[in-house]
Amino acid sequence: MRPSTKDDPLTKKQEAVLKFIEEYQMENGKSPILREMCKKFKYKSDNSILKHLAGLQKKGHITMDGTPRGIGLLPSVREKLHGETGLKLPVLGFIPAGGPVFTEEYINNWVSVDEGMAKNSRDFFLVEVTGNSMIDAGIFEGDLVVVNSKKEPRNGDIVVALVDNQNTLKRFVKEGGKVYLKAENKEYDDIYPLNELTAQGVVTALIRKYQ
């Protein structure tokens, strides 16, 4: 039996579920949970919705990561997020080891940015700066940094990194065969990983909100 593809027709119920997901994502910037979908379609059990979601996934119309709101943003939603005000990027909190995950568990907000700051909302995301470890680089608490998750870091780039399961924003340094992170504030020590250091994206722009 050949695998299902997007060329395979959807059932009427699958079409309705997909349309609901699209409308919900556009309105809320995140995906509905099973309970919300059951309420919408008057199902008493999650199994009925799970069956439709499995069908949509097999036919390539949705992706799911197993979290409560783990249905990925639909391509149509990503396209519509390119509005007159620019491109909308997710503001991520914690970024797991596998890289940016655009689900409610990790997204704090969506912010419109100038289209010149990012090519798309698939590879770029925002992080709100906390603390003052980068003030000598002109990056202050409350700033938003634009991060390119696909760009390979070069020596001296400012990166978002996962160090021993902690996210941080620092300068990426390669020296003497070693990789470490450097703060731009003399009161902070350099960070050498105990186990693992993974650069999760390179900072390409900064947005400052003036009160």
Foldseek 3Di string as FASTA:
>chain_A
DDFAALVDDADPVLVVLLVVQQVCCLVPVFGAFLVVVCVVVVNPDSVVVVVSVVVCVRHPQWDADPDRRGTDHGPVSQVVCCDPLGHKEFAFDFADPVARRRHPVTGPDIDHDHNVQDVGRPQKHKYADDDCQAVLVVHDGRKIFIWGQPDDDDAQFWFFKQAPNDTDTFGWHDDPNAIWGHTNDVVDDIGHGPPDMGGRTTTDDMGHDDD
